Structure formats: C-alpha cells, structure tokens
Amino acid sequence: MDAERGSVRSVPSGVRHPAAPAAGARRTDLPRTDAPRTGAPPSGVRRPAAQLPRSRRPLPEAPLAETTSPWILMYHSVAVEKEDPYQLTVSPERFAEQIAWLHRRGRRGVSVRELMRARAAGRADKLVGLTFDDGYADFARHAVPILQAYGFTATAYVVADLLGRANDWDTEGPRKTLLTVQEVTDLAAAGWEIGSHGLGHQALTGLPAEVLAAQTRESRRVLEEVVGGPVTGFCYPYGAVDLAATLAVRDAGYDYAVAIAHSPLTGRYALPRCYVGDRDGAWRLRAKRGRHRLRDTVAELRRQRLAARRNGSRRVPS
C-alpha cells in the first residue's frame, strides 16, 4: 500500500479470486445507532444464476461527472496486528484518536448513503464519509463502539459470497475473519449501511459484460436478502475501476459507488476516497484533507480540457 498516494495493494498475480470460520450464532451485543468463495451460499440465502443486465441506455462517456467530490475516508481493519504488509490495519487506540480529531474539528462521520442524501439537500458541509472495505469482523468489535460514542455512522462494504470466511485474497497479509451473515443482518438492523464489495473480491476492470453483471447485480441481490432491505452502495475491489464497471454498477441499480483515486471517471459512480492508516495523526489528516481539495481542482481542470478538445473535434469547418 502506498499511503502517501492513497493507492492500495495491486491485484495479486495468479490469485484466483472467486473460488475461516463458519457463521456464528446471533450477536446480541452490537451497539445500536442511526455488515464463500465458490461453495454453499449463506444460510437461508438462495443463489440462482445471475441474469445479464438490461442496459437502459449504454453511454459512450462516464455518467454524472461532478466538479467536486465529498470527503470520504477509507478504512479497512481496526485491530492490533504485529505484521501488516498491506498497511490495512489501524489500532483501536489510533482509530479513537482519529475519530476524536474529527469531532473536535466540528465534523460528523456518516455513512456514504447519508452523506449523499445530505449533499443533495445542501447540508453536507460538516459531514465526512466513513467507509470500511472488505467487511472484517473487527468492524463490529472495535470500530462500531467508538463510532457510536461520538454519534457517528459508517458504511461497511462486504463481499457477498465470503461472509463468515476469511480474507484469502490477501496472500501476504494476516488472516482476518470476515463478518458473518448474522452480524451483517444485525448491523443493518441497527442502522449501519451495508454496501456491496462484489463477489470473491475480484477486480472489475477489463471483465466481460456477463461477469460484470454477476459481480454487481448478484452481489446486490444476495446482500438485500441478508439485510432485508435495499443495498444502494458499491465499492470497487482494489479500487480498480473503468468505464464499463461504472456503467454496470449504474445499470445494476446502485445509487453510488466508491473508488479510490481521482480520475476522469470521478463522479457519483466513482467517488474518490482518502486512505487512512495507523500513522495518520491530526496533522497528517489535515494534510490529506488539503490534498483531496487540490486533487478535486486538478481533476476538474483535466475534465474541462478534455471537454474542450471533444467540442473542438465535433465542430464542422465553415
């Protein structure tokens, strides 16, 4: 992981993403506020074959580009690890310091679902999105109690077919257990947003249409049965996104999607996020906030130049 540039680990070569403890008993200690590889589906969840999306209107360009993007922080695991080569883990003590810093700055951490709704209503000035990728079990154990103490909420993006298993895609990192079906159900019932992280933690770039359909539509269907309600947010595994992936997410019925880096695709279906690690104290968070604003400005200038070139190429000589 390159913390300074905000990029995450690359997709391991030779790793078969889509094809570990079994799903546990019902959790009753989750604080309330405002979630298999190839193999058997989660208990009580039917897995019919995915259907290809019926594209409403294929677009030649990225949908909904925006001039500014909200500030969204990207976490993965909140735990104590001796070895963490991918730098995905923040200790509970450091996480509590980071959340306290946001609170002192007059900001409130919220799920991306809440952030997007507030932004549409013009009420997002003091809000910051908090996201947790991969659906690690330590989200419920360590992150939720700290967030609840400050009245914050967050979004957990889970891999729909790996609930209750482990992060086998991280070949060099520590083994981490993932949220079980029951834990995801309980979190959603308590008001925490559950979003889709696809199937098998597979990067979506360059995939054929039928695979993109399964990754986006099928993962959403499975999770909606688990949480008993709509799943409207998507998170691209590894932050890997291209135009075809954004269109597949849109056509699968999601309201938004989060990526990592700013790019020409930046917008509702490729929201950039700021990586947060264990080394990030107050001054580093301030610096990352400023860098986010700078990258917004640079991305907008690039979009304007690209639009100017396109408009120039479409003019008919007199």
Protein backbone atom coordinates (compact mmCIF):
# COMPACT_ATOMS: atom_id res chain seq x y z
CA MET A 1 0.00 0.00 0.00
CA ASP A 2 1.30 3.45 -0.86
CA ALA A 3 -0.19 5.55 1.89
CA GLU A 4 1.05 8.87 0.55
CA ARG A 5 -0.56 8.44 -2.85
CA GLY A 6 -3.68 6.81 -1.47
CA SER A 7 -3.37 3.72 -3.64
CA VAL A 8 -3.98 0.22 -2.37
CA ARG A 9 -2.28 -3.08 -2.97
CA SER A 10 -2.31 -4.25 -6.55
CA VAL A 11 -4.29 -7.27 -7.61
CA PRO A 12 -2.09 -10.28 -6.79
CA SER A 13 -0.98 -12.10 -9.91
CA GLY A 14 -2.02 -15.72 -10.13
CA VAL A 15 -4.64 -15.42 -7.41
CA ARG A 16 -8.00 -16.94 -8.24
CA HIS A 17 -10.40 -14.53 -6.60
CA PRO A 18 -13.79 -16.21 -6.90
CA ALA A 19 -13.30 -19.54 -5.74
CA ALA A 20 -12.36 -19.26 8.25
CA PRO A 21 -14.85 -19.81 10.49
CA ALA A 22 -18.46 -20.75 9.86
CA ALA A 23 -21.27 -18.27 10.51
CA GLY A 24 -21.68 -17.82 14.25
CA ALA A 25 -24.66 -17.56 16.48
CA ARG A 26 -26.79 -14.46 16.63
CA ARG A 27 -24.93 -11.47 18.11
CA THR A 28 -26.81 -9.52 20.75
CA ASP A 29 -24.03 -7.15 21.86
CA LEU A 30 -23.84 -4.88 18.83
CA PRO A 31 -24.39 -1.21 19.77
CA ARG A 32 -27.38 0.30 18.03
CA THR A 33 -27.17 3.52 16.01
CA ASP A 34 -28.91 5.83 13.03
CA ALA A 35 -22.44 -5.82 7.93
CA PRO A 36 -17.93 -18.42 0.27
CA ARG A 37 -15.79 -18.39 -2.08
CA THR A 38 -17.23 -20.80 -4.58
CA GLY A 39 -19.31 -23.09 -2.45
CA ALA A 40 -22.52 -23.07 -0.45
CA PRO A 41 -24.32 -19.70 -0.18
CA PRO A 42 -25.01 -18.09 3.21
CA SER A 43 -27.64 -19.89 5.24
CA GLY A 44 -31.14 -19.01 4.12
CA VAL A 45 -29.97 -17.19 1.02
CA ARG A 46 -30.89 -18.56 -2.40
CA ARG A 47 -28.34 -18.13 -5.19
CA PRO A 48 -30.00 -18.50 -8.62
CA ALA A 49 -27.85 -17.86 -11.65
CA ALA A 50 -27.15 -14.20 -12.30
CA GLN A 51 -29.02 -12.57 -15.15
CA LEU A 52 -27.43 -10.20 -17.60
CA PRO A 53 -28.34 -6.56 -17.03
CA ARG A 54 -30.66 -4.93 -19.49
CA SER A 55 -28.86 -1.70 -20.12
CA ARG A 56 -31.31 1.16 -20.11
CA ARG A 57 -29.14 3.33 -22.30
CA PRO A 58 -25.49 2.46 -22.97
CA LEU A 59 -23.43 5.64 -22.77
CA PRO A 60 -20.21 6.41 -24.65
CA GLU A 61 -18.98 8.59 -21.76
CA ALA A 62 -18.79 8.31 -17.97
CA PRO A 63 -22.10 9.06 -16.20
CA LEU A 64 -22.53 12.05 -13.94
CA ALA A 65 -19.17 13.76 -13.70
CA GLU A 66 -19.08 16.31 -10.87
CA THR A 67 -16.87 19.31 -10.22
CA THR A 68 -16.21 18.50 -6.55
CA SER A 69 -16.33 15.32 -4.52
CA PRO A 70 -17.23 14.86 -0.85
CA TRP A 71 -14.51 13.97 1.65
CA ILE A 72 -14.69 10.23 2.27
CA LEU A 73 -12.20 8.34 4.46
CA MET A 74 -11.24 4.77 3.56
CA TYR A 75 -10.56 2.28 6.35
CA HIS A 76 -10.22 -1.48 6.26
CA SER A 77 -9.45 -3.18 9.58
CA VAL A 78 -9.46 -1.81 13.13
CA ALA A 79 -7.38 -4.22 15.21
CA VAL A 80 -3.91 -4.92 16.59
CA GLU A 81 -1.54 -6.68 14.18
CA LYS A 82 2.19 -7.36 14.56
CA GLU A 83 2.66 -7.80 10.81
CA ASP A 84 0.66 -5.72 8.34
CA PRO A 85 2.46 -5.59 4.95
CA TYR A 86 -0.50 -4.02 3.14
CA GLN A 87 -0.95 -1.36 5.87
CA LEU A 88 -4.66 -2.09 6.10
CA THR A 89 -4.94 -2.08 9.89
CA VAL A 90 -5.47 0.82 12.29
CA SER A 91 -5.19 0.09 16.00
CA PRO A 92 -8.30 0.78 18.12
CA GLU A 93 -6.34 3.44 20.05
CA ARG A 94 -5.27 5.29 16.90
CA PHE A 95 -8.75 4.96 15.41
CA ALA A 96 -10.25 6.52 18.55
CA GLU A 97 -7.78 9.42 18.24
CA GLN A 98 -8.73 9.98 14.59
CA ILE A 99 -12.45 9.97 15.32
CA ALA A 100 -11.93 12.31 18.28
CA TRP A 101 -10.00 14.68 16.00
CA LEU A 102 -12.90 14.79 13.53
CA HIS A 103 -15.26 15.53 16.40
CA ARG A 104 -13.08 18.36 17.73
CA ARG A 105 -12.95 19.86 14.24
CA GLY A 106 -16.75 20.08 14.25
CA ARG A 107 -17.17 17.28 11.72
CA ARG A 108 -19.51 14.31 11.95
CA GLY A 109 -18.69 10.96 10.40
CA VAL A 110 -21.57 9.40 8.46
CA SER A 111 -22.28 6.59 6.04
CA VAL A 112 -21.90 7.40 2.36
CA ARG A 113 -25.63 6.85 1.98
CA GLU A 114 -26.31 9.63 4.49
CA LEU A 115 -23.56 11.80 3.02
CA MET A 116 -25.02 11.65 -0.50
CA ARG A 117 -28.51 12.45 0.75
CA ALA A 118 -27.23 15.42 2.77
CA ARG A 119 -25.18 16.62 -0.18
CA ALA A 120 -28.23 16.57 -2.44
CA ALA A 121 -30.04 18.70 0.13
CA GLY A 122 -27.10 21.11 0.52
CA ARG A 123 -26.41 20.04 4.13
CA ALA A 124 -23.09 18.20 3.83
CA ASP A 125 -20.59 20.93 4.78
CA LYS A 126 -19.60 19.41 8.14
CA LEU A 127 -20.01 15.77 7.18
CA VAL A 128 -17.29 13.29 6.26
CA GLY A 129 -17.96 9.82 4.87
CA LEU A 130 -16.52 6.88 6.81
CA THR A 131 -16.07 3.62 4.90
CA PHE A 132 -14.71 0.19 5.83
CA ASP A 133 -13.74 -2.11 2.97
CA ASP A 134 -13.80 -5.94 2.91
CA GLY A 135 -16.20 -6.47 5.84
CA TYR A 136 -13.76 -7.52 8.55
CA ALA A 137 -15.33 -8.85 11.75
CA ASP A 138 -13.32 -6.32 13.79
CA PHE A 139 -15.57 -3.57 12.39
CA ALA A 140 -18.33 -4.70 14.75
CA ARG A 141 -15.93 -5.49 17.59
CA HIS A 142 -13.75 -2.36 17.64
CA ALA A 143 -14.95 0.35 15.23
CA VAL A 144 -18.69 0.38 15.98
CA PRO A 145 -18.41 1.11 19.74
CA ILE A 146 -16.02 4.03 19.11
CA LEU A 147 -18.20 5.49 16.36
CA GLN A 148 -21.32 5.12 18.48
CA ALA A 149 -19.70 7.02 21.36
CA TYR A 150 -19.48 10.11 19.12
CA GLY A 151 -22.83 9.65 17.39
CA PHE A 152 -21.10 8.77 14.12
CA THR A 153 -22.23 6.25 11.50
CA ALA A 154 -20.35 4.50 8.69
CA THR A 155 -20.60 2.16 5.71
CA ALA A 156 -19.25 -1.40 5.69
CA TYR A 157 -18.63 -2.86 2.22
CA VAL A 158 -18.81 -6.64 2.37
CA VAL A 159 -18.00 -9.41 -0.10
CA ALA A 160 -21.38 -11.07 -0.59
CA ASP A 161 -20.19 -14.65 -1.11
CA LEU A 162 -17.47 -14.67 1.57
CA LEU A 163 -19.47 -13.78 4.68
CA GLY A 164 -18.17 -15.67 7.71
CA ARG A 165 -14.96 -16.70 5.94
CA ALA A 166 -11.53 -15.02 5.71
CA ASN A 167 -9.53 -12.59 3.53
CA ASP A 168 -7.83 -15.25 1.41
CA TRP A 169 -7.22 -12.71 -1.38
CA ASP A 170 -4.52 -11.01 0.74
CA THR A 171 -1.87 -13.65 0.20
CA GLU A 172 0.87 -11.93 2.22
CA GLY A 173 -1.22 -10.27 4.92
CA PRO A 174 -2.52 -11.60 8.24
CA ARG A 175 -5.58 -13.84 8.19
CA LYS A 176 -8.62 -11.83 9.23
CA THR A 177 -12.10 -13.20 9.76
CA LEU A 178 -15.00 -11.55 7.95
CA LEU A 179 -18.40 -10.55 9.27
CA THR A 180 -20.88 -13.42 9.37
CA VAL A 181 -24.32 -13.40 7.81
CA GLN A 182 -25.88 -12.84 11.25
CA GLU A 183 -23.51 -9.99 12.09
CA VAL A 184 -24.29 -8.24 8.80
CA THR A 185 -28.00 -8.70 9.45
CA ASP A 186 -27.66 -7.23 12.96
CA LEU A 187 -25.58 -4.28 11.79
CA ALA A 188 -28.10 -3.38 9.10
CA ALA A 189 -30.97 -3.68 11.60
CA ALA A 190 -29.08 -1.29 13.90
CA GLY A 191 -28.87 1.32 11.14
CA TRP A 192 -25.35 0.82 9.76
CA GLU A 193 -25.14 0.97 5.96
CA ILE A 194 -24.10 -2.26 4.28
CA GLY A 195 -22.73 -1.91 0.75
CA SER A 196 -21.56 -4.40 -1.84
CA HIS A 197 -17.89 -5.20 -2.44
CA GLY A 198 -18.71 -7.59 -5.27
CA LEU A 199 -18.15 -11.35 -5.34
CA GLY A 200 -14.89 -13.08 -4.47
CA HIS A 201 -13.07 -9.75 -4.04
CA GLN A 202 -12.35 -9.66 -7.78
CA ALA A 203 -11.10 -6.56 -9.60
CA LEU A 204 -13.72 -5.45 -12.15
CA THR A 205 -11.53 -3.77 -14.76
CA GLY A 206 -11.46 -5.50 -18.13
CA LEU A 207 -14.14 -8.05 -17.29
CA PRO A 208 -16.73 -9.16 -19.90
CA ALA A 209 -20.30 -7.91 -19.56
CA GLU A 210 -21.72 -11.14 -18.15
CA VAL A 211 -19.13 -11.23 -15.34
CA LEU A 212 -19.72 -7.58 -14.51
CA ALA A 213 -23.43 -8.39 -14.34
CA ALA A 214 -22.85 -11.14 -11.79
CA GLN A 215 -20.46 -9.03 -9.75
CA THR A 216 -22.83 -6.10 -9.46
CA ARG A 217 -26.36 -7.49 -9.72
CA GLU A 218 -25.89 -10.83 -7.98
CA SER A 219 -23.89 -9.42 -5.08
CA ARG A 220 -26.60 -6.82 -4.53
CA ARG A 221 -29.37 -9.42 -4.64
CA VAL A 222 -27.64 -11.65 -2.10
CA LEU A 223 -26.99 -8.79 0.30
CA GLU A 224 -30.52 -7.43 0.03
CA GLU A 225 -31.81 -10.81 1.19
CA VAL A 226 -29.35 -10.76 4.08
CA VAL A 227 -30.15 -7.23 5.28
CA GLY A 228 -33.84 -7.34 4.41
CA GLY A 229 -33.77 -4.05 2.52
CA PRO A 230 -32.15 -2.11 -0.32
CA VAL A 231 -28.39 -2.11 -0.89
CA THR A 232 -27.59 1.09 -2.78
CA GLY A 233 -23.80 1.49 -2.46
CA PHE A 234 -20.98 -0.32 -4.27
CA CYS A 235 -17.23 -0.36 -3.60
CA TYR A 236 -14.77 -1.43 -6.33
CA PRO A 237 -12.40 -4.16 -5.08
CA TYR A 238 -8.79 -2.89 -5.07
CA GLY A 239 -10.18 0.48 -6.16
CA ALA A 240 -9.95 -0.78 -9.74
CA VAL A 241 -12.49 0.96 -11.97
CA ASP A 242 -13.05 1.60 -15.67
CA LEU A 243 -15.94 2.96 -17.71
CA ALA A 244 -17.56 -0.45 -18.23
CA ALA A 245 -17.53 -1.07 -14.48
CA THR A 246 -19.22 2.27 -13.71
CA LEU A 247 -21.94 1.57 -16.26
CA ALA A 248 -22.50 -1.93 -14.87
CA VAL A 249 -22.86 -0.52 -11.36
CA ARG A 250 -25.29 2.12 -12.57
CA ASP A 251 -27.37 -0.38 -14.53
CA ALA A 252 -27.45 -2.76 -11.55
CA GLY A 253 -29.46 -0.12 -9.71
CA TYR A 254 -26.92 1.26 -7.23
CA ASP A 255 -27.23 4.87 -6.16
CA TYR A 256 -23.47 5.47 -5.95
CA ALA A 257 -20.08 3.73 -5.99
CA VAL A 258 -16.77 4.48 -4.28
CA ALA A 259 -13.33 4.11 -5.84
CA ILE A 260 -10.02 5.47 -4.50
CA ALA A 261 -8.19 7.84 -6.81
CA HIS A 262 -9.42 10.94 -8.62
CA SER A 263 -9.75 10.24 -12.34
CA PRO A 264 -11.70 11.30 -15.44
CA LEU A 265 -14.43 8.95 -14.15
CA THR A 266 -14.77 10.82 -10.84
CA GLY A 267 -18.43 11.34 -10.06
CA ARG A 268 -21.36 9.57 -8.46
CA TYR A 269 -20.21 6.14 -9.68
CA ALA A 270 -16.51 6.63 -8.95
CA LEU A 271 -16.25 8.70 -5.78
CA PRO A 272 -12.62 9.18 -4.68
CA ARG A 273 -11.62 8.40 -1.11
CA CYS A 274 -8.77 9.21 1.25
CA TYR A 275 -6.79 6.27 2.64
CA VAL A 276 -6.31 6.39 6.42
CA GLY A 277 -3.60 4.33 8.12
CA ASP A 278 -2.18 3.78 11.57
CA ARG A 279 0.41 6.55 11.12
CA ASP A 280 -2.20 9.23 10.45
CA GLY A 281 -2.48 11.69 13.30
CA ALA A 282 -4.03 15.15 13.31
CA TRP A 283 -1.51 16.94 11.08
CA ARG A 284 -1.48 14.14 8.50
CA LEU A 285 -5.28 14.13 8.36
CA ARG A 286 -5.27 17.89 7.82
CA ALA A 287 -2.73 17.46 5.02
CA LYS A 288 -4.81 14.74 3.40
CA ARG A 289 -7.88 16.94 3.52
CA GLY A 290 -5.96 19.67 1.69
CA ARG A 291 -4.63 17.17 -0.83
CA HIS A 292 -8.16 15.95 -1.52
CA ARG A 293 -9.23 19.51 -2.36
CA LEU A 294 -6.19 20.00 -4.60
CA ARG A 295 -6.89 16.79 -6.48
CA ASP A 296 -10.50 17.89 -6.94
CA THR A 297 -9.24 21.08 -8.58
CA VAL A 298 -6.76 19.25 -10.81
CA ALA A 299 -9.37 16.66 -11.84
CA GLU A 300 -11.81 19.42 -12.77
CA LEU A 301 -9.21 21.22 -14.89
CA ARG A 302 -8.47 17.98 -16.72
CA ARG A 303 -12.17 17.41 -17.35
CA GLN A 304 -12.53 20.91 -18.73
CA ARG A 305 -9.57 20.43 -21.10
CA LEU A 306 -10.94 17.07 -22.23
CA ALA A 307 -14.38 18.61 -22.84
CA ALA A 308 -12.81 21.45 -24.82
CA ARG A 309 -10.92 19.01 -27.03
CA ARG A 310 -14.09 16.98 -27.63
CA ASN A 311 -16.09 20.07 -28.50
CA GLY A 312 -13.35 21.22 -30.85
CA SER A 313 -13.25 17.90 -32.68
CA ARG A 314 -17.05 18.00 -33.19
CA ARG A 315 -17.09 21.41 -34.89
CA VAL A 316 -17.82 21.38 -38.59
CA PRO A 317 -15.42 23.53 -40.63
CA SER A 318 -17.17 26.52 -42.25
